[in-house]
C-alpha atoms as a PDB file:
ATOM      1  CA  MET A   1      18.967  11.513  71.378  1.00  0.00           C
ATOM      2  CA  SER A   2      18.787  12.496  75.201  1.00  0.00           C
ATOM      3  CA  ASN A   3      16.876  10.865  77.719  1.00  0.00           C
ATOM      4  CA  GLU A   4      17.748  13.740  80.480  1.00  0.00           C
ATOM      5  CA  GLY A   5      14.342  15.545  81.701  1.00  0.00           C
ATOM      6  CA  GLY A   6      12.225  12.865  78.814  1.00  0.00           C
ATOM      7  CA  GLY A   7       9.634  14.125  77.117  1.00  0.00           C
ATOM      8  CA  TYR A   8       7.004  12.810  79.186  1.00  0.00           C
ATOM      9  CA  PRO A   9       6.171  14.522  82.273  1.00  0.00           C
ATOM     10  CA  GLN A  10       6.411  11.590  84.536  1.00  0.00           C
ATOM     11  CA  ASP A  11      10.007  11.283  83.393  1.00  0.00           C
ATOM     12  CA  ARG A  12      10.560  14.867  84.885  1.00  0.00           C
ATOM     13  CA  PRO A  13      11.736  15.847  88.192  1.00  0.00           C
ATOM     14  CA  ALA A  14       9.574  16.955  90.656  1.00  0.00           C
ATOM     15  CA  GLN A  15      10.097  20.411  90.610  1.00  0.00           C
ATOM     16  CA  GLU A  16      10.083  20.882  86.269  1.00  0.00           C
ATOM     17  CA  ARG A  17       6.290  19.730  86.921  1.00  0.00           C
ATOM     18  CA  PRO A  18       4.002  22.130  86.139  1.00  0.00           C
ATOM     19  CA  PRO A  19       1.106  22.770  89.362  1.00  0.00           C
ATOM     20  CA  THR A  20      -1.663  19.822  88.647  1.00  0.00           C
ATOM     21  CA  ALA A  21      -4.305  23.015  88.872  1.00  0.00           C
ATOM     22  CA  PRO A  22      -3.980  26.392  87.045  1.00  0.00           C
ATOM     23  CA  GLN A  23      -4.465  29.080  89.770  1.00  0.00           C
ATOM     24  CA  TYR A  24      -6.496  32.340  88.470  1.00  0.00           C
ATOM     25  CA  GLU A  25      -7.516  35.286  89.953  1.00  0.00           C
ATOM     26  CA  GLN A  26     -10.901  35.256  91.375  1.00  0.00           C
ATOM     27  CA  ALA A  27     -13.510  36.725  89.167  1.00  0.00           C
ATOM     28  CA  PRO A  28     -14.510  40.037  89.831  1.00  0.00           C
ATOM     29  CA  GLN A  29     -18.014  40.658  91.269  1.00  0.00           C
ATOM     30  CA  TYR A  30     -20.547  42.314  89.165  1.00  0.00           C
ATOM     31  CA  PRO A  31     -23.486  44.452  91.065  1.00  0.00           C
ATOM     32  CA  GLN A  32     -26.784  42.885  90.771  1.00  0.00           C
ATOM     33  CA  TYR A  33     -29.500  44.845  87.887  1.00  0.00           C
ATOM     34  CA  GLN A  34     -32.388  41.912  88.162  1.00  0.00           C
ATOM     35  CA  GLN A  35     -34.552  42.497  91.709  1.00  0.00           C
ATOM     36  CA  PRO A  36     -35.027  39.417  93.349  1.00  0.00           C
ATOM     37  CA  TYR A  37     -38.546  37.907  92.463  1.00  0.00           C
ATOM     38  CA  ALA A  38     -41.283  38.658  94.060  1.00  0.00           C
ATOM     39  CA  PRO A  39     -44.385  36.177  95.384  1.00  0.00           C
ATOM     40  CA  PRO A  40     -46.897  35.687  92.807  1.00  0.00           C
ATOM     41  CA  ALA A  41     -49.545  38.247  93.367  1.00  0.00           C
ATOM     42  CA  TYR A  42     -52.836  35.517  92.492  1.00  0.00           C
ATOM     43  CA  GLY A  43     -52.106  33.371  95.723  1.00  0.00           C
ATOM     44  CA  ALA A  44     -49.535  32.116  98.365  1.00  0.00           C
ATOM     45  CA  PRO A  45     -46.771  29.172  97.009  1.00  0.00           C
ATOM     46  CA  GLY A  46     -48.294  26.140  97.778  1.00  0.00           C
ATOM     47  CA  SER A  47     -52.101  27.133  97.253  1.00  0.00           C
ATOM     48  CA  ASP A  48     -52.248  25.691  93.838  1.00  0.00           C
ATOM     49  CA  GLN A  49     -52.412  22.204  94.876  1.00  0.00           C
ATOM     50  CA  VAL A  50     -55.360  20.157  94.148  1.00  0.00           C
ATOM     51  CA  GLN A  51     -57.625  20.458  97.462  1.00  0.00           C
ATOM     52  CA  PHE A  52     -60.166  17.240  97.491  1.00  0.00           C
ATOM     53  CA  HIS A  53     -63.305  17.298  99.270  1.00  0.00           C
ATOM     54  CA  GLU A  54     -64.643  15.252 101.567  1.00  0.00           C
ATOM     55  CA  PRO A  55     -66.239  11.757 100.292  1.00  0.00           C
ATOM     56  CA  GLY A  56     -69.732  11.358 100.428  1.00  0.00           C
ATOM     57  CA  PRO A  57     -72.739  13.382  98.121  1.00  0.00           C
ATOM     58  CA  ALA A  58     -72.285  16.931  97.014  1.00  0.00           C
ATOM     59  CA  LEU A  59     -74.624  18.688  98.255  1.00  0.00           C
ATOM     60  CA  GLU A  60     -77.376  20.952  95.874  1.00  0.00           C
ATOM     61  CA  HIS A  61     -77.892  24.455  96.140  1.00  0.00           C
ATOM     62  CA  PRO A  62     -81.984  24.725  96.870  1.00  0.00           C
ATOM     63  CA  GLN A  63     -82.258  27.795  94.270  1.00  0.00           C
ATOM     64  CA  ALA A  64     -79.783  26.393  91.494  1.00  0.00           C
ATOM     65  CA  THR A  65     -82.570  24.849  89.965  1.00  0.00           C
ATOM     66  CA  LEU A  66     -85.175  27.528  90.083  1.00  0.00           C
ATOM     67  CA  ALA A  67     -82.842  30.310  88.544  1.00  0.00           C
ATOM     68  CA  PHE A  68     -82.318  27.681  85.639  1.00  0.00           C
ATOM     69  CA  VAL A  69     -85.950  27.276  85.054  1.00  0.00           C
ATOM     70  CA  LEU A  70     -86.871  30.999  85.461  1.00  0.00           C
ATOM     71  CA  GLY A  71     -83.705  31.719  82.533  1.00  0.00           C
ATOM     72  CA  LEU A  72     -84.752  28.225  80.284  1.00  0.00           C
ATOM     73  CA  LEU A  73     -88.635  30.000  80.626  1.00  0.00           C
ATOM     74  CA  SER A  74     -87.083  33.458  79.815  1.00  0.00           C
ATOM     75  CA  ILE A  75     -85.526  32.388  76.359  1.00  0.00           C
ATOM     76  CA  LEU A  76     -88.157  30.428  75.270  1.00  0.00           C
ATOM     77  CA  GLY A  77     -90.756  33.304  75.588  1.00  0.00           C
ATOM     78  CA  LEU A  78     -91.805  34.557  78.917  1.00  0.00           C
ATOM     79  CA  THR A  79     -88.783  37.327  78.628  1.00  0.00           C
ATOM     80  CA  ILE A  80     -90.570  39.289  81.606  1.00  0.00           C
ATOM     81  CA  LEU A  81     -88.840  36.312  83.379  1.00  0.00           C
ATOM     82  CA  GLY A  82     -85.607  37.185  82.145  1.00  0.00           C
ATOM     83  CA  PRO A  83     -84.093  39.687  85.229  1.00  0.00           C
ATOM     84  CA  PHE A  84     -85.315  36.858  87.913  1.00  0.00           C
ATOM     85  CA  GLY A  85     -83.708  34.332  86.213  1.00  0.00           C
ATOM     86  CA  TRP A  86     -80.424  36.675  85.931  1.00  0.00           C
ATOM     87  CA  TYR A  87     -80.740  38.139  89.387  1.00  0.00           C
ATOM     88  CA  ILE A  88     -81.135  34.456  90.968  1.00  0.00           C
ATOM     89  CA  GLY A  89     -78.559  32.902  89.110  1.00  0.00           C
ATOM     90  CA  ASN A  90     -76.136  35.707  90.363  1.00  0.00           C
ATOM     91  CA  LYS A  91     -76.991  35.350  93.865  1.00  0.00           C
ATOM     92  CA  VAL A  92     -76.804  31.538  93.931  1.00  0.00           C
ATOM     93  CA  VAL A  93     -73.274  31.003  92.162  1.00  0.00           C
ATOM     94  CA  GLY A  94     -72.451  34.169  94.576  1.00  0.00           C
ATOM     95  CA  GLU A  95     -73.315  31.991  97.435  1.00  0.00           C
ATOM     96  CA  ILE A  96     -71.760  28.635  96.399  1.00  0.00           C
ATOM     97  CA  ASP A  97     -68.297  30.161  95.786  1.00  0.00           C
ATOM     98  CA  ARG A  98     -68.360  32.209  99.067  1.00  0.00           C
ATOM     99  CA  ASP A  99     -69.380  28.714 100.836  1.00  0.00           C
ATOM    100  CA  GLY A 100     -66.172  26.189 101.078  1.00  0.00           C
ATOM    101  CA  ARG A 101     -68.809  23.434 100.536  1.00  0.00           C
ATOM    102  CA  VAL A 102     -68.504  21.422  97.164  1.00  0.00           C
ATOM    103  CA  PHE A 103     -72.097  22.261  95.709  1.00  0.00           C
ATOM    104  CA  ALA A 104     -72.972  19.611  92.442  1.00  0.00           C
ATOM    105  CA  ASN A 105     -75.119  21.978  90.660  1.00  0.00           C
ATOM    106  CA  ARG A 106     -73.198  25.302  91.114  1.00  0.00           C
ATOM    107  CA  GLY A 107     -72.981  24.428  86.301  1.00  0.00           C
ATOM    108  CA  LEU A 108     -77.156  24.641  86.652  1.00  0.00           C
ATOM    109  CA  ALA A 109     -76.971  28.271  88.853  1.00  0.00           C
ATOM    110  CA  MET A 110     -74.580  29.823  86.520  1.00  0.00           C
ATOM    111  CA  ALA A 111     -76.186  28.043  83.376  1.00  0.00           C
ATOM    112  CA  GLY A 112     -79.746  30.043  84.946  1.00  0.00           C
ATOM    113  CA  LYS A 113     -77.263  33.449  85.215  1.00  0.00           C
ATOM    114  CA  VAL A 114     -76.909  33.233  81.691  1.00  0.00           C
ATOM    115  CA  LEU A 115     -80.110  32.067  79.981  1.00  0.00           C
ATOM    116  CA  GLY A 116     -81.160  34.972  82.600  1.00  0.00           C
ATOM    117  CA  ILE A 117     -78.789  37.309  80.753  1.00  0.00           C
ATOM    118  CA  ILE A 118     -80.152  36.332  77.673  1.00  0.00           C
ATOM    119  CA  GLY A 119     -84.024  36.275  78.131  1.00  0.00           C
ATOM    120  CA  THR A 120     -82.753  40.003  79.861  1.00  0.00           C
ATOM    121  CA  VAL A 121     -81.799  41.118  76.246  1.00  0.00           C
ATOM    122  CA  PHE A 122     -84.911  39.308  74.515  1.00  0.00           C
ATOM    123  CA  LEU A 123     -86.888  41.279  76.782  1.00  0.00           C
ATOM    124  CA  ILE A 124     -85.251  44.845  75.823  1.00  0.00           C
ATOM    125  CA  LEU A 125     -85.244  44.344  72.347  1.00  0.00           C
ATOM    126  CA  SER A 126     -88.726  43.539  72.355  1.00  0.00           C
ATOM    127  CA  VAL A 127     -89.343  46.451  74.566  1.00  0.00           C
ATOM    128  CA  LEU A 128     -88.040  48.637  71.902  1.00  0.00           C
ATOM    129  CA  ALA A 129     -89.196  47.065  69.117  1.00  0.00           C
ATOM    130  CA  PHE A 130     -92.801  47.608  70.780  1.00  0.00           C
ATOM    131  CA  VAL A 131     -92.148  51.344  71.336  1.00  0.00           C
ATOM    132  CA  ALA A 132     -91.190  51.554  67.954  1.00  0.00           C
ATOM    133  CA  PHE A 133     -94.220  49.711  66.645  1.00  0.00           C
ATOM    134  CA  ILE A 134     -96.115  52.649  67.960  1.00  0.00           C
ATOM    135  CA  VAL A 135     -94.113  55.090  67.535  1.00  0.00           C
ATOM    136  CA  PHE A 136     -94.641  53.916  63.597  1.00  0.00           C
ATOM    137  CA  VAL A 137     -98.657  53.210  64.513  1.00  0.00           C
ATOM    138  CA  VAL A 138     -98.724  57.467  65.724  1.00  0.00           C
ATOM    139  CA  VAL A 139     -96.867  58.546  62.564  1.00  0.00           C
ATOM    140  CA  ALA A 140     -99.223  56.407  60.436  1.00  0.00           C
ATOM    141  CA  ALA A 141    -102.043  57.727  62.009  1.00  0.00           C
ATOM    142  CA  SER A 142    -101.213  61.519  62.368  1.00  0.00           C
ATOM    143  CA  THR A 143     -99.633  61.744  58.596  1.00  0.00           C
ATOM    144  CA  SER A 144    -103.398  60.303  57.099  1.00  0.00           C
END
């Protein structure tokens, strides 16, 4: 067995050693098929951060309780008040949303709006029932 050239890389002369890092051709560049992402349509980047309000007592809208009371009375039997509770509740919720300050009773105004909608549906159903009753009475009176 001959020790010429050796079986180990460190035993070979410098000119015989393979290059340390293989040299590859540069990969071909392919065209980009995907468009770059557009900013989200719902807001500017960074707008999803939590915004804190100033410390202190929260404000209360003066008509939120009125909207709730009208909506509540509309489902408890005074159905004629339903449209008024719906209107005032909708107005108050809109005013609270447009204002930059924090209000403590937005939920109360929203509850008045929803109760007003339900009371208005009850009002419509009761008017339809009344009209159907009148038609029934007129038809029954004319046939007898």
